[in-house]
Amino acid sequence: MRKKAPKRVREQVVVYLDERDRALLDQLTKTTGLAKTELFRRGLRRLADEALTRTAPGFSLRQLVGTAGDDDLPADVAERADEYLYQRKYQRRKPRKRARAR
C-alpha cells in the first residue's frame, strides 16, 4: 500500500509594493511565464546567496581576471590560444617514408 507524500507546509507572506515594483513584477511574470510567488522565492534565494556568502555577483570572474595579471603567459595568449595550447600539433608533419619491400 502506498504512503501519501507529506504535505508541504507553506506560510503566507504579505508584501506591499509601490507602483514601480508592481510594474516590474508584472513585467517579469509576462516575460518569464513564472508565477509571482516563484519570482519572489527565486529573488529571496538569490539575495540570500549573495548576502550570506558575502560574495557579490560576478565575484569568481573578478577573481579570475584579477589573478590573470600575475601569470607568466604571453600577452597575446587570448589571440593565439590554440597555438599556445597545442603548440606544434597544427603544423603539418613531414610524410613518413615507407619502408621498402625486400
Protein backbone atom coordinates (compact mmCIF):
# COMPACT_ATOMS: atom_id res chain seq x y z
CA MET A 1 0.00 0.00 0.00
CA ARG A 2 1.35 3.42 -0.95
CA LYS A 3 2.02 6.02 1.68
CA LYS A 4 0.84 9.51 0.98
CA ALA A 5 3.57 12.07 0.46
CA PRO A 6 3.75 14.53 3.33
CA LYS A 7 2.07 17.81 2.61
CA ARG A 8 4.33 20.75 2.07
CA VAL A 9 3.83 23.37 4.70
CA ARG A 10 3.85 26.90 3.37
CA GLU A 11 3.48 30.19 5.09
CA GLN A 12 1.63 33.07 3.55
CA VAL A 13 3.51 36.36 3.46
CA VAL A 14 2.06 39.74 2.57
CA VAL A 15 4.22 42.10 0.54
CA TYR A 16 3.34 45.71 -0.13
CA LEU A 17 4.62 47.05 -3.44
CA ASP A 18 4.68 50.55 -4.82
CA GLU A 19 3.67 51.21 -8.44
CA ARG A 20 7.19 50.83 -9.77
CA ASP A 21 7.79 47.48 -8.08
CA ARG A 22 4.35 46.24 -9.10
CA ALA A 23 5.06 47.14 -12.74
CA LEU A 24 8.40 45.33 -12.53
CA LEU A 25 6.70 42.25 -11.07
CA ASP A 26 4.07 42.28 -13.81
CA GLN A 27 6.74 42.61 -16.49
CA LEU A 28 8.73 39.71 -15.00
CA THR A 29 5.69 37.43 -14.85
CA LYS A 30 4.90 38.15 -18.50
CA THR A 31 8.50 37.76 -19.65
CA THR A 32 9.39 34.63 -17.69
CA GLY A 33 6.00 32.95 -17.50
CA LEU A 34 6.66 32.25 -13.82
CA ALA A 35 4.16 32.82 -11.05
CA LYS A 36 4.65 35.84 -8.82
CA THR A 37 5.29 33.62 -5.83
CA GLU A 38 8.03 31.76 -7.69
CA LEU A 39 9.67 35.05 -8.66
CA PHE A 40 9.71 36.11 -5.01
CA ARG A 41 11.17 32.75 -3.95
CA ARG A 42 13.93 32.96 -6.54
CA GLY A 43 14.68 36.56 -5.66
CA LEU A 44 14.86 35.68 -1.98
CA ARG A 45 17.21 32.78 -2.63
CA ARG A 46 19.47 34.86 -4.88
CA LEU A 47 19.64 37.64 -2.31
CA ALA A 48 20.39 35.12 0.44
CA ASP A 49 23.15 33.57 -1.66
CA GLU A 50 24.79 36.96 -2.13
CA ALA A 51 24.28 38.24 1.40
CA LEU A 52 25.03 35.09 3.35
CA THR A 53 28.09 34.04 1.39
CA ARG A 54 29.43 37.59 1.39
CA THR A 55 30.25 37.46 -2.29
CA ALA A 56 28.85 39.79 -4.90
CA PRO A 57 27.57 38.66 -8.31
CA GLY A 58 30.47 38.05 -10.66
CA PHE A 59 32.90 37.58 -7.77
CA SER A 60 34.55 34.49 -9.22
CA LEU A 61 35.06 36.14 -12.61
CA ARG A 62 36.62 39.19 -10.98
CA GLN A 63 38.93 36.90 -9.04
CA LEU A 64 39.97 35.13 -12.23
CA VAL A 65 40.60 38.37 -14.09
CA GLY A 66 42.39 39.86 -11.11
CA THR A 67 44.86 37.00 -10.92
CA ALA A 68 45.50 36.88 -14.66
CA GLY A 69 47.99 39.74 -14.39
CA ASP A 70 50.20 37.64 -12.11
CA ASP A 71 50.76 34.81 -14.57
CA ASP A 72 53.72 34.30 -16.86
CA LEU A 73 51.69 33.87 -20.06
CA PRO A 74 52.48 35.82 -23.23
CA ALA A 75 50.47 38.99 -23.81
CA ASP A 76 48.83 37.57 -26.97
CA VAL A 77 47.66 34.31 -25.42
CA ALA A 78 43.98 35.20 -25.98
CA GLU A 79 44.53 35.84 -29.68
CA ARG A 80 46.70 32.80 -30.32
CA ALA A 81 45.31 30.39 -27.70
CA ASP A 82 45.27 27.35 -30.00
CA GLU A 83 48.88 27.82 -30.97
CA TYR A 84 49.94 28.01 -27.36
CA LEU A 85 47.73 25.14 -26.23
CA TYR A 86 48.58 22.74 -28.99
CA GLN A 87 51.94 24.21 -29.96
CA ARG A 88 53.17 22.35 -32.96
CA LYS A 89 50.30 19.91 -33.43
CA TYR A 90 48.75 22.08 -36.14
CA GLN A 91 51.91 22.11 -38.20
CA ARG A 92 51.94 19.59 -40.97
CA ARG A 93 54.23 16.74 -40.34
CA LYS A 94 56.61 15.52 -42.96
CA PRO A 95 55.24 12.43 -44.65
CA ARG A 96 56.86 9.25 -43.43
CA LYS A 97 58.92 7.33 -45.85
CA ARG A 98 57.62 3.88 -46.38
CA ALA A 99 59.90 1.04 -45.77
CA ARG A 100 60.97 -0.66 -48.98
CA ALA A 101 59.91 -4.18 -49.56
CA ARG A 102 62.85 -6.54 -49.68
